[in-house]
Amino acid sequence: MDNYSQQDVWLEIQAENVKNAAEYLHENNVSRRDEVEVHENSEGFWISDPSGTILRVNPGK
C-alpha cells in the first residue's frame, strides 16, 4: 500500500478461553503488547513472538 511507510503482517490466534490463554502466556514469559492497537470492548489482546511478529489473541468462534 502506497500510503504506509512499512508493510506488516499481523496474525490471529483464536482461544476458547481468552482469560486462560492470557494466564498461560504470562506464566511462560510472553509479554502482552496492548499498546499496538486499542480494541474497546474486546476480550482479545496483543502479543509478539521472539522475532517481533505481532499476534492478536481473540476469542474462538
Protein backbone atom coordinates (compact mmCIF):
# COMPACT_ATOMS: atom_id res chain seq x y z
CA MET A 1 0.00 0.00 0.00
CA ASP A 2 1.47 3.29 -1.08
CA ASN A 3 0.32 5.27 1.96
CA TYR A 4 2.08 3.03 4.54
CA SER A 5 5.73 3.50 5.47
CA GLN A 6 6.17 -0.23 6.10
CA GLN A 7 4.30 -3.43 5.47
CA ASP A 8 3.18 -5.52 8.45
CA VAL A 9 1.59 -8.93 8.75
CA TRP A 10 -0.43 -9.45 11.90
CA LEU A 11 -1.59 -12.94 12.76
CA GLU A 12 -4.55 -14.04 14.86
CA ILE A 13 -4.75 -16.83 17.40
CA GLN A 14 -8.20 -17.96 18.48
CA ALA A 15 -8.58 -19.28 22.01
CA GLU A 16 -11.65 -20.92 23.51
CA ASN A 17 -10.91 -19.18 26.81
CA VAL A 18 -9.02 -15.89 26.39
CA LYS A 19 -8.51 -15.45 30.15
CA ASN A 20 -6.85 -18.87 30.44
CA ALA A 21 -4.74 -18.13 27.38
CA ALA A 22 -3.57 -14.84 28.93
CA GLU A 23 -2.64 -16.59 32.18
CA TYR A 24 -0.76 -19.36 30.32
CA LEU A 25 1.17 -16.87 28.19
CA HIS A 26 2.04 -14.73 31.23
CA GLU A 27 3.29 -17.79 33.15
CA ASN A 28 5.51 -18.60 30.16
CA ASN A 29 7.02 -15.10 29.96
CA VAL A 30 5.11 -13.94 26.89
CA SER A 31 4.53 -10.22 27.33
CA ARG A 32 1.33 -8.54 26.23
CA ARG A 33 1.65 -5.80 23.63
CA ASP A 34 -1.62 -3.96 24.19
CA GLU A 35 -0.02 -0.69 23.07
CA VAL A 36 -0.17 -1.96 19.46
CA GLU A 37 -3.82 -1.03 18.97
CA VAL A 38 -6.80 -0.47 21.26
CA HIS A 39 -9.86 -2.67 20.73
CA GLU A 40 -12.51 -1.33 23.08
CA ASN A 41 -15.00 -3.84 24.49
CA SER A 42 -12.87 -6.75 23.31
CA GLU A 43 -11.58 -9.69 25.33
CA GLY A 44 -8.68 -10.08 22.93
CA PHE A 45 -5.13 -8.79 23.35
CA TRP A 46 -1.83 -8.46 21.51
CA ILE A 47 1.44 -10.36 21.98
CA SER A 48 4.57 -10.73 19.87
CA ASP A 49 6.83 -13.68 19.22
CA PRO A 50 10.60 -13.55 19.83
CA SER A 51 11.24 -12.25 16.31
CA GLY A 52 8.76 -9.39 16.79
CA THR A 53 5.82 -10.74 14.79
CA ILE A 54 2.61 -9.24 16.17
CA LEU A 55 -0.14 -11.71 17.11
CA ARG A 56 -3.71 -10.99 18.16
CA VAL A 57 -5.27 -13.42 20.65
CA ASN A 58 -9.07 -13.40 20.20
CA PRO A 59 -11.97 -15.48 21.47
CA GLY A 60 -12.62 -18.54 19.30
CA LYS A 61 -15.80 -18.75 17.29
